[in-house]
PDB file of N, CA and C in Angstrom:
ATOM      1  N   MET A   1    -137.400-106.414 172.374  1.00  0.00           N
ATOM      2  CA  MET A   1    -136.751-106.008 171.150  1.00  0.00           C
ATOM      3  C   MET A   1    -135.424-105.351 171.497  1.00  0.00           C
ATOM      4  N   ILE A   2    -134.397-105.695 170.757  1.00  0.00           N
ATOM      5  CA  ILE A   2    -133.072-105.132 170.981  1.00  0.00           C
ATOM      6  C   ILE A   2    -132.894-103.940 170.062  1.00  0.00           C
ATOM      7  N   HIS A   3    -132.637-102.774 170.655  1.00  0.00           N
ATOM      8  CA  HIS A   3    -132.378-101.574 169.868  1.00  0.00           C
ATOM      9  C   HIS A   3    -130.880-101.500 169.606  1.00  0.00           C
ATOM     10  N   TYR A   4    -130.516-101.214 168.386  1.00  0.00           N
ATOM     11  CA  TYR A   4    -129.106-101.169 168.050  1.00  0.00           C
ATOM     12  C   TYR A   4    -128.872-100.157 166.945  1.00  0.00           C
ATOM     13  N   ASN A   5    -127.627 -99.788 166.821  1.00  0.00           N
ATOM     14  CA  ASN A   5    -127.189 -98.889 165.764  1.00  0.00           C
ATOM     15  C   ASN A   5    -126.699 -99.752 164.605  1.00  0.00           C
ATOM     16  N   PRO A   6    -127.274 -99.636 163.413  1.00  0.00           N
ATOM     17  CA  PRO A   6    -126.856-100.499 162.308  1.00  0.00           C
ATOM     18  C   PRO A   6    -125.417-100.276 161.877  1.00  0.00           C
ATOM     19  N   LYS A   7    -124.842 -99.142 162.225  1.00  0.00           N
ATOM     20  CA  LYS A   7    -123.456 -98.893 161.830  1.00  0.00           C
ATOM     21  C   LYS A   7    -122.462 -99.579 162.753  1.00  0.00           C
ATOM     22  N   SER A   8    -122.900 -99.978 163.940  1.00  0.00           N
ATOM     23  CA  SER A   8    -121.998-100.672 164.860  1.00  0.00           C
ATOM     24  C   SER A   8    -122.490-102.103 165.085  1.00  0.00           C
ATOM     25  N   TRP A   9    -122.717-102.804 164.013  1.00  0.00           N
ATOM     26  CA  TRP A   9    -123.239-104.164 164.093  1.00  0.00           C
ATOM     27  C   TRP A   9    -122.223-105.144 164.665  1.00  0.00           C
ATOM     28  N   PHE A  10    -120.943-104.855 164.484  1.00  0.00           N
ATOM     29  CA  PHE A  10    -119.921-105.785 164.965  1.00  0.00           C
ATOM     30  C   PHE A  10    -119.931-105.862 166.489  1.00  0.00           C
ATOM     31  N   SER A  11    -120.115-104.725 167.146  1.00  0.00           N
ATOM     32  CA  SER A  11    -120.153-104.738 168.612  1.00  0.00           C
ATOM     33  C   SER A  11    -121.422-105.415 169.118  1.00  0.00           C
ATOM     34  N   LEU A  12    -122.497-105.361 168.351  1.00  0.00           N
ATOM     35  CA  LEU A  12    -123.741-106.009 168.757  1.00  0.00           C
ATOM     36  C   LEU A  12    -123.574-107.522 168.830  1.00  0.00           C
ATOM     37  N   ILE A  13    -122.825-108.082 167.919  1.00  0.00           N
ATOM     38  CA  ILE A  13    -122.631-109.529 167.903  1.00  0.00           C
ATOM     39  C   ILE A  13    -122.019-110.000 169.209  1.00  0.00           C
ATOM     40  N   PHE A  14    -121.020-109.277 169.690  1.00  0.00           N
ATOM     41  CA  PHE A  14    -120.322-109.720 170.887  1.00  0.00           C
ATOM     42  C   PHE A  14    -120.948-109.195 172.168  1.00  0.00           C
ATOM     43  N   ALA A  15    -121.747-108.148 172.113  1.00  0.00           N
ATOM     44  CA  ALA A  15    -122.301-107.568 173.332  1.00  0.00           C
ATOM     45  C   ALA A  15    -123.654-108.162 173.704  1.00  0.00           C
ATOM     46  N   ALA A  16    -124.555-108.277 172.755  1.00  0.00           N
ATOM     47  CA  ALA A  16    -125.932-108.645 173.085  1.00  0.00           C
ATOM     48  C   ALA A  16    -126.099-110.129 173.373  1.00  0.00           C
ATOM     49  N   TYR A  17    -125.473-110.965 172.604  1.00  0.00           N
ATOM     50  CA  TYR A  17    -125.731-112.390 172.723  1.00  0.00           C
ATOM     51  C   TYR A  17    -124.629-113.152 173.447  1.00  0.00           C
ATOM     52  N   SER A  18    -123.506-112.523 173.667  1.00  0.00           N
ATOM     53  CA  SER A  18    -122.364-113.275 174.169  1.00  0.00           C
ATOM     54  C   SER A  18    -122.613-113.828 175.562  1.00  0.00           C
ATOM     55  N   ARG A  19    -123.212-113.055 176.447  1.00  0.00           N
ATOM     56  CA  ARG A  19    -123.408-113.537 177.812  1.00  0.00           C
ATOM     57  C   ARG A  19    -124.402-114.683 177.854  1.00  0.00           C
ATOM     58  N   GLN A  20    -125.504-114.554 177.148  1.00  0.00           N
ATOM     59  CA  GLN A  20    -126.529-115.594 177.181  1.00  0.00           C
ATOM     60  C   GLN A  20    -126.032-116.880 176.529  1.00  0.00           C
ATOM     61  N   VAL A  21    -125.426-116.740 175.384  1.00  0.00           N
ATOM     62  CA  VAL A  21    -124.939-117.914 174.661  1.00  0.00           C
ATOM     63  C   VAL A  21    -123.789-118.559 175.423  1.00  0.00           C
ATOM     64  N   PHE A  22    -122.899-117.744 175.964  1.00  0.00           N
ATOM     65  CA  PHE A  22    -121.755-118.287 176.688  1.00  0.00           C
ATOM     66  C   PHE A  22    -122.208-119.053 177.925  1.00  0.00           C
ATOM     67  N   ARG A  23    -123.213-118.548 178.624  1.00  0.00           N
ATOM     68  CA  ARG A  23    -123.718-119.252 179.811  1.00  0.00           C
ATOM     69  C   ARG A  23    -124.308-120.607 179.443  1.00  0.00           C
ATOM     70  N   LYS A  24    -124.980-120.674 178.320  1.00  0.00           N
ATOM     71  CA  LYS A  24    -125.588-121.942 177.915  1.00  0.00           C
ATOM     72  C   LYS A  24    -124.552-122.930 177.380  1.00  0.00           C
ATOM     73  N   LEU A  25    -123.551-122.412 176.688  1.00  0.00           N
ATOM     74  CA  LEU A  25    -122.582-123.302 176.051  1.00  0.00           C
ATOM     75  C   LEU A  25    -121.383-123.638 176.925  1.00  0.00           C
ATOM     76  N   PHE A  26    -121.147-122.881 177.985  1.00  0.00           N
ATOM     77  CA  PHE A  26    -119.943-123.096 178.787  1.00  0.00           C
ATOM     78  C   PHE A  26    -119.855-124.506 179.364  1.00  0.00           C
ATOM     79  N   PRO A  27    -120.916-125.082 179.952  1.00  0.00           N
ATOM     80  CA  PRO A  27    -120.780-126.458 180.458  1.00  0.00           C
ATOM     81  C   PRO A  27    -120.433-127.464 179.364  1.00  0.00           C
ATOM     82  N   LEU A  28    -121.015-127.305 178.190  1.00  0.00           N
ATOM     83  CA  LEU A  28    -120.699-128.231 177.095  1.00  0.00           C
ATOM     84  C   LEU A  28    -119.266-128.052 176.609  1.00  0.00           C
ATOM     85  N   MET A  29    -118.822-126.787 176.511  1.00  0.00           N
ATOM     86  CA  MET A  29    -117.440-126.547 176.082  1.00  0.00           C
ATOM     87  C   MET A  29    -116.455-127.084 177.109  1.00  0.00           C
ATOM     88  N   LEU A  30    -116.766-126.933 178.384  1.00  0.00           N
ATOM     89  CA  LEU A  30    -115.894-127.448 179.433  1.00  0.00           C
ATOM     90  C   LEU A  30    -115.826-128.972 179.379  1.00  0.00           C
ATOM     91  N   ALA A  31    -116.968-129.625 179.191  1.00  0.00           N
ATOM     92  CA  ALA A  31    -116.987-131.085 179.102  1.00  0.00           C
ATOM     93  C   ALA A  31    -116.200-131.575 177.890  1.00  0.00           C
ATOM     94  N   MET A  32    -116.350-130.914 176.744  1.00  0.00           N
ATOM     95  CA  MET A  32    -115.589-131.323 175.559  1.00  0.00           C
ATOM     96  C   MET A  32    -114.100-131.092 175.749  1.00  0.00           C
ATOM     97  N   GLY A  33    -113.734-130.006 176.423  1.00  0.00           N
ATOM     98  CA  GLY A  33    -112.321-129.741 176.694  1.00  0.00           C
ATOM     99  C   GLY A  33    -111.716-130.794 177.599  1.00  0.00           C
ATOM    100  N   VAL A  34    -112.440-131.188 178.652  1.00  0.00           N
ATOM    101  CA  VAL A  34    -111.950-132.227 179.565  1.00  0.00           C
ATOM    102  C   VAL A  34    -111.849-133.563 178.834  1.00  0.00           C
ATOM    103  N   LEU A  35    -112.833-133.884 178.018  1.00  0.00           N
ATOM    104  CA  LEU A  35    -112.793-135.130 177.251  1.00  0.00           C
ATOM    105  C   LEU A  35    -111.616-135.139 176.277  1.00  0.00           C
ATOM    106  N   SER A  36    -111.391-134.034 175.587  1.00  0.00           N
ATOM    107  CA  SER A  36    -110.273-133.954 174.642  1.00  0.00           C
ATOM    108  C   SER A  36    -108.939-134.063 175.361  1.00  0.00           C
ATOM    109  N   ALA A  37    -108.819-133.397 176.509  1.00  0.00           N
ATOM    110  CA  ALA A  37    -107.574-133.487 177.282  1.00  0.00           C
ATOM    111  C   ALA A  37    -107.347-134.909 177.764  1.00  0.00           C
ATOM    112  N   GLY A  38    -108.408-135.597 178.166  1.00  0.00           N
ATOM    113  CA  GLY A  38    -108.277-136.985 178.603  1.00  0.00           C
ATOM    114  C   GLY A  38    -107.833-137.897 177.475  1.00  0.00           C
ATOM    115  N   VAL A  39    -108.396-137.719 176.297  1.00  0.00           N
ATOM    116  CA  VAL A  39    -107.999-138.539 175.145  1.00  0.00           C
ATOM    117  C   VAL A  39    -106.542-138.275 174.787  1.00  0.00           C
ATOM    118  N   CYS A  40    -106.131-137.018 174.796  1.00  0.00           N
ATOM    119  CA  CYS A  40    -104.728-136.688 174.499  1.00  0.00           C
ATOM    120  C   CYS A  40    -103.790-137.285 175.539  1.00  0.00           C
ATOM    121  N   TYR A  41    -104.166-137.237 176.802  1.00  0.00           N
ATOM    122  CA  TYR A  41    -103.320-137.784 177.866  1.00  0.00           C
ATOM    123  C   TYR A  41    -103.159-139.288 177.707  1.00  0.00           C
ATOM    124  N   VAL A  42    -104.264-139.976 177.446  1.00  0.00           N
ATOM    125  CA  VAL A  42    -104.202-141.431 177.268  1.00  0.00           C
ATOM    126  C   VAL A  42    -103.362-141.776 176.051  1.00  0.00           C
ATOM    127  N   GLU A  43    -103.517-141.044 174.969  1.00  0.00           N
ATOM    128  CA  GLU A  43    -102.755-141.347 173.757  1.00  0.00           C
ATOM    129  C   GLU A  43    -101.263-141.092 173.953  1.00  0.00           C
ATOM    130  N   LEU A  44    -100.904-140.027 174.640  1.00  0.00           N
ATOM    131  CA  LEU A  44     -99.486-139.700 174.811  1.00  0.00           C
ATOM    132  C   LEU A  44     -98.792-140.574 175.842  1.00  0.00           C
ATOM    133  N   HIS A  45     -99.489-140.989 176.895  1.00  0.00           N
ATOM    134  CA  HIS A  45     -98.819-141.689 177.989  1.00  0.00           C
ATOM    135  C   HIS A  45     -99.041-143.194 178.008  1.00  0.00           C
ATOM    136  N   TYR A  46    -100.103-143.687 177.442  1.00  0.00           N
ATOM    137  CA  TYR A  46    -100.398-145.107 177.547  1.00  0.00           C
ATOM    138  C   TYR A  46    -100.320-145.853 176.221  1.00  0.00           C
ATOM    139  N   LEU A  47    -100.545-145.196 175.118  1.00  0.00           N
ATOM    140  CA  LEU A  47    -100.468-145.873 173.828  1.00  0.00           C
ATOM    141  C   LEU A  47     -99.063-145.711 173.269  1.00  0.00           C
ATOM    142  N   LYS A  48     -98.394-146.812 173.071  1.00  0.00           N
ATOM    143  CA  LYS A  48     -97.015-146.758 172.587  1.00  0.00           C
ATOM    144  C   LYS A  48     -96.951-146.600 171.075  1.00  0.00           C
ATOM    145  N   GLU A  49     -97.875-147.211 170.374  1.00  0.00           N
ATOM    146  CA  GLU A  49     -97.886-147.090 168.926  1.00  0.00           C
ATOM    147  C   GLU A  49     -98.910-146.031 168.526  1.00  0.00           C
ATOM    148  N   PRO A  50     -98.577-145.182 167.576  1.00  0.00           N
ATOM    149  CA  PRO A  50     -99.547-144.158 167.163  1.00  0.00           C
ATOM    150  C   PRO A  50    -100.747-144.793 166.459  1.00  0.00           C
ATOM    151  N   VAL A  51    -101.883-144.206 166.663  1.00  0.00           N
ATOM    152  CA  VAL A  51    -103.113-144.701 166.045  1.00  0.00           C
ATOM    153  C   VAL A  51    -103.180-144.154 164.626  1.00  0.00           C
ATOM    154  N   GLU A  52    -103.307-145.053 163.664  1.00  0.00           N
ATOM    155  CA  GLU A  52    -103.372-144.658 162.264  1.00  0.00           C
ATOM    156  C   GLU A  52    -104.835-144.582 161.832  1.00  0.00           C
ATOM    157  N   LEU A  53    -105.230-143.435 161.365  1.00  0.00           N
ATOM    158  CA  LEU A  53    -106.573-143.263 160.815  1.00  0.00           C
ATOM    159  C   LEU A  53    -106.445-142.877 159.350  1.00  0.00           C
ATOM    160  N   SER A  54    -107.237-143.505 158.539  1.00  0.00           N
ATOM    161  CA  SER A  54    -107.184-143.162 157.122  1.00  0.00           C
ATOM    162  C   SER A  54    -108.086-141.961 156.852  1.00  0.00           C
ATOM    163  N   ASN A  55    -107.855-141.316 155.731  1.00  0.00           N
ATOM    164  CA  ASN A  55    -108.658-140.159 155.355  1.00  0.00           C
ATOM    165  C   ASN A  55    -110.039-140.547 154.839  1.00  0.00           C
ATOM    166  N   VAL A  56    -110.234-141.823 154.575  1.00  0.00           N
ATOM    167  CA  VAL A  56    -111.516-142.284 154.060  1.00  0.00           C
ATOM    168  C   VAL A  56    -112.618-142.060 155.096  1.00  0.00           C
ATOM    169  N   VAL A  57    -112.277-142.233 156.366  1.00  0.00           N
ATOM    170  CA  VAL A  57    -113.275-142.062 157.424  1.00  0.00           C
ATOM    171  C   VAL A  57    -113.805-140.634 157.414  1.00  0.00           C
ATOM    172  N   HIS A  58    -112.902-139.660 157.303  1.00  0.00           N
ATOM    173  CA  HIS A  58    -113.318-138.261 157.298  1.00  0.00           C
ATOM    174  C   HIS A  58    -114.119-137.925 156.036  1.00  0.00           C
ATOM    175  N   SER A  59    -113.723-138.491 154.918  1.00  0.00           N
ATOM    176  CA  SER A  59    -114.462-138.243 153.677  1.00  0.00           C
ATOM    177  C   SER A  59    -115.873-138.810 153.755  1.00  0.00           C
ATOM    178  N   LEU A  60    -115.994-140.027 154.250  1.00  0.00           N
ATOM    179  CA  LEU A  60    -117.316-140.631 154.377  1.00  0.00           C
ATOM    180  C   LEU A  60    -118.181-139.881 155.384  1.00  0.00           C
ATOM    181  N   LEU A  61    -117.575-139.463 156.480  1.00  0.00           N
ATOM    182  CA  LEU A  61    -118.329-138.710 157.477  1.00  0.00           C
ATOM    183  C   LEU A  61    -118.809-137.379 156.904  1.00  0.00           C
ATOM    184  N   GLY A  62    -117.961-136.707 156.136  1.00  0.00           N
ATOM    185  CA  GLY A  62    -118.370-135.459 155.493  1.00  0.00           C
ATOM    186  C   GLY A  62    -119.478-135.674 154.485  1.00  0.00           C
ATOM    187  N   PHE A  63    -119.404-136.765 153.735  1.00  0.00           N
ATOM    188  CA  PHE A  63    -120.444-137.082 152.758  1.00  0.00           C
ATOM    189  C   PHE A  63    -121.776-137.357 153.442  1.00  0.00           C
ATOM    190  N   VAL A  64    -121.746-138.158 154.494  1.00  0.00           N
ATOM    191  CA  VAL A  64    -122.974-138.481 155.227  1.00  0.00           C
ATOM    192  C   VAL A  64    -123.561-137.226 155.862  1.00  0.00           C
ATOM    193  N   LEU A  65    -122.707-136.382 156.424  1.00  0.00           N
ATOM    194  CA  LEU A  65    -123.178-135.138 157.035  1.00  0.00           C
ATOM    195  C   LEU A  65    -123.798-134.212 155.992  1.00  0.00           C
ATOM    196  N   SER A  66    -123.197-134.145 154.810  1.00  0.00           N
ATOM    197  CA  SER A  66    -123.766-133.292 153.760  1.00  0.00           C
ATOM    198  C   SER A  66    -125.122-133.821 153.303  1.00  0.00           C
ATOM    199  N   LEU A  67    -125.262-135.131 153.169  1.00  0.00           N
ATOM    200  CA  LEU A  67    -126.569-135.694 152.807  1.00  0.00           C
ATOM    201  C   LEU A  67    -127.612-135.407 153.881  1.00  0.00           C
ATOM    202  N   PHE A  68    -127.203-135.530 155.134  1.00  0.00           N
ATOM    203  CA  PHE A  68    -128.114-135.244 156.241  1.00  0.00           C
ATOM    204  C   PHE A  68    -128.588-133.795 156.197  1.00  0.00           C
ATOM    205  N   LEU A  69    -127.676-132.862 155.947  1.00  0.00           N
ATOM    206  CA  LEU A  69    -128.047-131.448 155.875  1.00  0.00           C
ATOM    207  C   LEU A  69    -128.949-131.166 154.677  1.00  0.00           C
ATOM    208  N   VAL A  70    -128.688-131.818 153.547  1.00  0.00           N
ATOM    209  CA  VAL A  70    -129.536-131.631 152.366  1.00  0.00           C
ATOM    210  C   VAL A  70    -130.944-132.141 152.640  1.00  0.00           C
ATOM    211  N   PHE A  71    -131.061-133.306 153.263  1.00  0.00           N
ATOM    212  CA  PHE A  71    -132.386-133.844 153.561  1.00  0.00           C
ATOM    213  C   PHE A  71    -133.129-132.961 154.553  1.00  0.00           C
ATOM    214  N   ARG A  72    -132.422-132.417 155.543  1.00  0.00           N
ATOM    215  CA  ARG A  72    -133.072-131.516 156.505  1.00  0.00           C
ATOM    216  C   ARG A  72    -133.550-130.251 155.811  1.00  0.00           C
ATOM    217  N   THR A  73    -132.718-129.700 154.914  1.00  0.00           N
ATOM    218  CA  THR A  73    -133.104-128.484 154.203  1.00  0.00           C
ATOM    219  C   THR A  73    -134.313-128.743 153.316  1.00  0.00           C
ATOM    220  N   ASN A  74    -134.300-129.856 152.603  1.00  0.00           N
ATOM    221  CA  ASN A  74    -135.436-130.185 151.736  1.00  0.00           C
ATOM    222  C   ASN A  74    -136.706-130.411 152.545  1.00  0.00           C
ATOM    223  N   THR A  75    -136.593-131.057 153.690  1.00  0.00           N
ATOM    224  CA  THR A  75    -137.762-131.278 154.537  1.00  0.00           C
ATOM    225  C   THR A  75    -138.315-129.966 155.053  1.00  0.00           C
ATOM    226  N   ALA A  76    -137.438-129.064 155.464  1.00  0.00           N
ATOM    227  CA  ALA A  76    -137.896-127.759 155.947  1.00  0.00           C
ATOM    228  C   ALA A  76    -138.573-126.981 154.827  1.00  0.00           C
ATOM    229  N   TYR A  77    -138.006-127.035 153.627  1.00  0.00           N
ATOM    230  CA  TYR A  77    -138.613-126.328 152.504  1.00  0.00           C
ATOM    231  C   TYR A  77    -139.970-126.930 152.154  1.00  0.00           C
ATOM    232  N   ASP A  78    -140.069-128.261 152.194  1.00  0.00           N
ATOM    233  CA  ASP A  78    -141.354-128.903 151.909  1.00  0.00           C
ATOM    234  C   ASP A  78    -142.414-128.494 152.923  1.00  0.00           C
ATOM    235  N   ARG A  79    -142.028-128.400 154.189  1.00  0.00           N
ATOM    236  CA  ARG A  79    -142.983-127.964 155.210  1.00  0.00           C
ATOM    237  C   ARG A  79    -143.399-126.526 154.976  1.00  0.00           C
ATOM    238  N   TRP A  80    -142.441-125.663 154.638  1.00  0.00           N
ATOM    239  CA  TRP A  80    -142.771-124.268 154.362  1.00  0.00           C
ATOM    240  C   TRP A  80    -143.711-124.178 153.162  1.00  0.00           C
ATOM    241  N   TRP A  81    -143.419-124.933 152.115  1.00  0.00           N
ATOM    242  CA  TRP A  81    -144.243-124.881 150.914  1.00  0.00           C
ATOM    243  C   TRP A  81    -145.655-125.391 151.206  1.00  0.00           C
ATOM    244  N   GLU A  82    -145.780-126.439 152.002  1.00  0.00           N
ATOM    245  CA  GLU A  82    -147.100-126.951 152.363  1.00  0.00           C
ATOM    246  C   GLU A  82    -147.876-125.909 153.158  1.00  0.00           C
ATOM    247  N   GLY A  83    -147.224-125.237 154.082  1.00  0.00           N
ATOM    248  CA  GLY A  83    -147.881-124.170 154.833  1.00  0.00           C
ATOM    249  C   GLY A  83    -148.302-123.023 153.935  1.00  0.00           C
ATOM    250  N   ARG A  84    -147.463-122.693 152.967  1.00  0.00           N
ATOM    251  CA  ARG A  84    -147.799-121.620 152.030  1.00  0.00           C
ATOM    252  C   ARG A  84    -149.020-121.996 151.199  1.00  0.00           C
ATOM    253  N   LYS A  85    -149.085-123.251 150.751  1.00  0.00           N
ATOM    254  CA  LYS A  85    -150.250-123.691 149.983  1.00  0.00           C
ATOM    255  C   LYS A  85    -151.516-123.654 150.834  1.00  0.00           C
ATOM    256  N   GLN A  86    -151.409-124.090 152.090  1.00  0.00           N
ATOM    257  CA  GLN A  86    -152.574-124.067 152.969  1.00  0.00           C
ATOM    258  C   GLN A  86    -153.039-122.641 153.230  1.00  0.00           C
ATOM    259  N   TRP A  87    -152.071-121.728 153.465  1.00  0.00           N
ATOM    260  CA  TRP A  87    -152.429-120.331 153.703  1.00  0.00           C
ATOM    261  C   TRP A  87    -153.073-119.722 152.455  1.00  0.00           C
ATOM    262  N   GLY A  88    -152.539-120.034 151.280  1.00  0.00           N
ATOM    263  CA  GLY A  88    -153.130-119.543 150.041  1.00  0.00           C
ATOM    264  C   GLY A  88    -154.541-120.071 149.842  1.00  0.00           C
ATOM    265  N   GLY A  89    -154.758-121.342 150.182  1.00  0.00           N
ATOM    266  CA  GLY A  89    -156.102-121.904 150.089  1.00  0.00           C
ATOM    267  C   GLY A  89    -157.069-121.225 151.045  1.00  0.00           C
ATOM    268  N   LEU A  90    -156.588-120.921 152.256  1.00  0.00           N
ATOM    269  CA  LEU A  90    -157.430-120.226 153.224  1.00  0.00           C
ATOM    270  C   LEU A  90    -157.797-118.828 152.740  1.00  0.00           C
ATOM    271  N   VAL A  91    -156.840-118.139 152.137  1.00  0.00           N
ATOM    272  CA  VAL A  91    -157.114-116.807 151.591  1.00  0.00           C
ATOM    273  C   VAL A  91    -158.133-116.904 150.463  1.00  0.00           C
ATOM    274  N   ASN A  92    -157.985-117.878 149.589  1.00  0.00           N
ATOM    275  CA  ASN A  92    -158.937-118.036 148.480  1.00  0.00           C
ATOM    276  C   ASN A  92    -160.339-118.359 148.976  1.00  0.00           C
ATOM    277  N   VAL A  93    -160.433-119.230 149.969  1.00  0.00           N
ATOM    278  CA  VAL A  93    -161.748-119.580 150.509  1.00  0.00           C
ATOM    279  C   VAL A  93    -162.389-118.376 151.185  1.00  0.00           C
ATOM    280  N   SER A  94    -161.602-117.580 151.903  1.00  0.00           N
ATOM    281  CA  SER A  94    -162.181-116.399 152.555  1.00  0.00           C
ATOM    282  C   SER A  94    -162.627-115.370 151.521  1.00  0.00           C
ATOM    283  N   ARG A  95    -161.903-115.242 150.429  1.00  0.00           N
ATOM    284  CA  ARG A  95    -162.339-114.331 149.364  1.00  0.00           C
ATOM    285  C   ARG A  95    -163.628-114.825 148.710  1.00  0.00           C
ATOM    286  N   THR A  96    -163.702-116.131 148.502  1.00  0.00           N
ATOM    287  CA  THR A  96    -164.922-116.699 147.933  1.00  0.00           C
ATOM    288  C   THR A  96    -166.101-116.488 148.878  1.00  0.00           C
ATOM    289  N   LEU A  97    -165.864-116.679 150.177  1.00  0.00           N
ATOM    290  CA  LEU A  97    -166.919-116.453 151.160  1.00  0.00           C
ATOM    291  C   LEU A  97    -167.376-115.001 151.146  1.00  0.00           C
ATOM    292  N   ALA A  98    -166.424-114.074 151.084  1.00  0.00           N
ATOM    293  CA  ALA A  98    -166.786-112.653 151.045  1.00  0.00           C
ATOM    294  C   ALA A  98    -167.591-112.329 149.794  1.00  0.00           C
ATOM    295  N   THR A  99    -167.211-112.924 148.671  1.00  0.00           N
ATOM    296  CA  THR A  99    -167.945-112.685 147.424  1.00  0.00           C
ATOM    297  C   THR A  99    -169.363-113.237 147.508  1.00  0.00           C
ATOM    298  N   ARG A 100    -169.504-114.449 148.037  1.00  0.00           N
ATOM    299  CA  ARG A 100    -170.832-115.066 148.145  1.00  0.00           C
ATOM    300  C   ARG A 100    -171.733-114.286 149.099  1.00  0.00           C
ATOM    301  N   VAL A 101    -171.170-113.854 150.220  1.00  0.00           N
ATOM    302  CA  VAL A 101    -171.974-113.084 151.173  1.00  0.00           C
ATOM    303  C   VAL A 101    -172.423-111.780 150.540  1.00  0.00           C
ATOM    304  N   ARG A 102    -171.534-111.137 149.807  1.00  0.00           N
ATOM    305  CA  ARG A 102    -171.895-109.875 149.155  1.00  0.00           C
ATOM    306  C   ARG A 102    -172.975-110.096 148.099  1.00  0.00           C
ATOM    307  N   GLU A 103    -172.896-111.204 147.371  1.00  0.00           N
ATOM    308  CA  GLU A 103    -173.872-111.472 146.315  1.00  0.00           C
ATOM    309  C   GLU A 103    -175.244-111.829 146.868  1.00  0.00           C
ATOM    310  N   PHE A 104    -175.272-112.645 147.918  1.00  0.00           N
ATOM    311  CA  PHE A 104    -176.544-113.186 148.390  1.00  0.00           C
ATOM    312  C   PHE A 104    -177.137-112.435 149.570  1.00  0.00           C
ATOM    313  N   SER A 105    -176.467-111.435 150.053  1.00  0.00           N
ATOM    314  CA  SER A 105    -176.998-110.717 151.204  1.00  0.00           C
ATOM    315  C   SER A 105    -177.990-109.664 150.737  1.00  0.00           C
ATOM    316  N   THR A 106    -179.177-109.690 151.341  1.00  0.00           N
ATOM    317  CA  THR A 106    -180.201-108.704 150.991  1.00  0.00           C
ATOM    318  C   THR A 106    -180.237-107.563 151.994  1.00  0.00           C
ATOM    319  N   ASP A 107    -179.826-107.849 153.203  1.00  0.00           N
ATOM    320  CA  ASP A 107    -179.830-106.836 154.249  1.00  0.00           C
ATOM    321  C   ASP A 107    -178.507-106.072 154.219  1.00  0.00           C
ATOM    322  N   GLU A 108    -178.563-104.765 154.206  1.00  0.00           N
ATOM    323  CA  GLU A 108    -177.347-103.937 154.132  1.00  0.00           C
ATOM    324  C   GLU A 108    -176.518-104.041 155.412  1.00  0.00           C
ATOM    325  N   ALA A 109    -177.149-104.194 156.570  1.00  0.00           N
ATOM    326  CA  ALA A 109    -176.411-104.312 157.837  1.00  0.00           C
ATOM    327  C   ALA A 109    -175.613-105.611 157.870  1.00  0.00           C
ATOM    328  N   THR A 110    -176.204-106.690 157.392  1.00  0.00           N
ATOM    329  CA  THR A 110    -175.488-107.967 157.329  1.00  0.00           C
ATOM    330  C   THR A 110    -174.315-107.875 156.366  1.00  0.00           C
ATOM    331  N   ALA A 111    -174.533-107.261 155.230  1.00  0.00           N
ATOM    332  CA  ALA A 111    -173.451-107.102 154.253  1.00  0.00           C
ATOM    333  C   ALA A 111    -172.326-106.258 154.827  1.00  0.00           C
ATOM    334  N   ASP A 112    -172.662-105.181 155.551  1.00  0.00           N
ATOM    335  CA  ASP A 112    -171.627-104.345 156.168  1.00  0.00           C
ATOM    336  C   ASP A 112    -170.856-105.110 157.235  1.00  0.00           C
ATOM    337  N   PHE A 113    -171.573-105.929 158.013  1.00  0.00           N
ATOM    338  CA  PHE A 113    -170.913-106.730 159.047  1.00  0.00           C
ATOM    339  C   PHE A 113    -169.898-107.685 158.433  1.00  0.00           C
ATOM    340  N   PHE A 114    -170.304-108.433 157.424  1.00  0.00           N
ATOM    341  CA  PHE A 114    -169.394-109.387 156.795  1.00  0.00           C
ATOM    342  C   PHE A 114    -168.292-108.681 156.012  1.00  0.00           C
ATOM    343  N   ARG A 115    -168.586-107.534 155.436  1.00  0.00           N
ATOM    344  CA  ARG A 115    -167.573-106.765 154.719  1.00  0.00           C
ATOM    345  C   ARG A 115    -166.475-106.307 155.681  1.00  0.00           C
ATOM    346  N   ALA A 116    -166.857-105.967 156.893  1.00  0.00           N
ATOM    347  CA  ALA A 116    -165.879-105.507 157.882  1.00  0.00           C
ATOM    348  C   ALA A 116    -165.051-106.657 158.447  1.00  0.00           C
ATOM    349  N   HIS A 117    -165.627-107.858 158.525  1.00  0.00           N
ATOM    350  CA  HIS A 117    -164.938-108.969 159.178  1.00  0.00           C
ATOM    351  C   HIS A 117    -164.250-109.942 158.224  1.00  0.00           C
ATOM    352  N   ILE A 118    -164.581-109.892 156.957  1.00  0.00           N
ATOM    353  CA  ILE A 118    -163.937-110.778 155.981  1.00  0.00           C
ATOM    354  C   ILE A 118    -163.169-109.905 155.005  1.00  0.00           C
ATOM    355  N   PRO A 119    -161.848-109.912 155.080  1.00  0.00           N
ATOM    356  CA  PRO A 119    -161.085-109.093 154.128  1.00  0.00           C
ATOM    357  C   PRO A 119    -161.144-109.688 152.731  1.00  0.00           C
ATOM    358  N   GLY A 120    -161.037-108.855 151.741  1.00  0.00           N
ATOM    359  CA  GLY A 120    -161.001-109.326 150.370  1.00  0.00           C
ATOM    360  C   GLY A 120    -162.204-108.839 149.667  1.00  0.00           C
TER     361      GLY A 120
END
């Protein structure tokens, strides 16, 4: 557990996670930087005509990415909701079990045992 002062939350962002995250991301950032520099070098020195890209590509890519994020969010919510329903069903069944044991138990020791182990 990380202990922190809530009034100095800004320093926590850069102090606690920066080393771990930077170590994991540095190779990927370095590879992307080298790839970007290579693409820029090839475009500036070997391509005589500028490459024309239309804005439609970026719009379509943004649209597809937004749909992908919406579907992921909906899937995550559906999984959470299914888990919540299952947990609620488990709670209801355990309450029903506790009620039945209390009703049908004739021995006080058995009733105390189940009362202690089945909440509700």
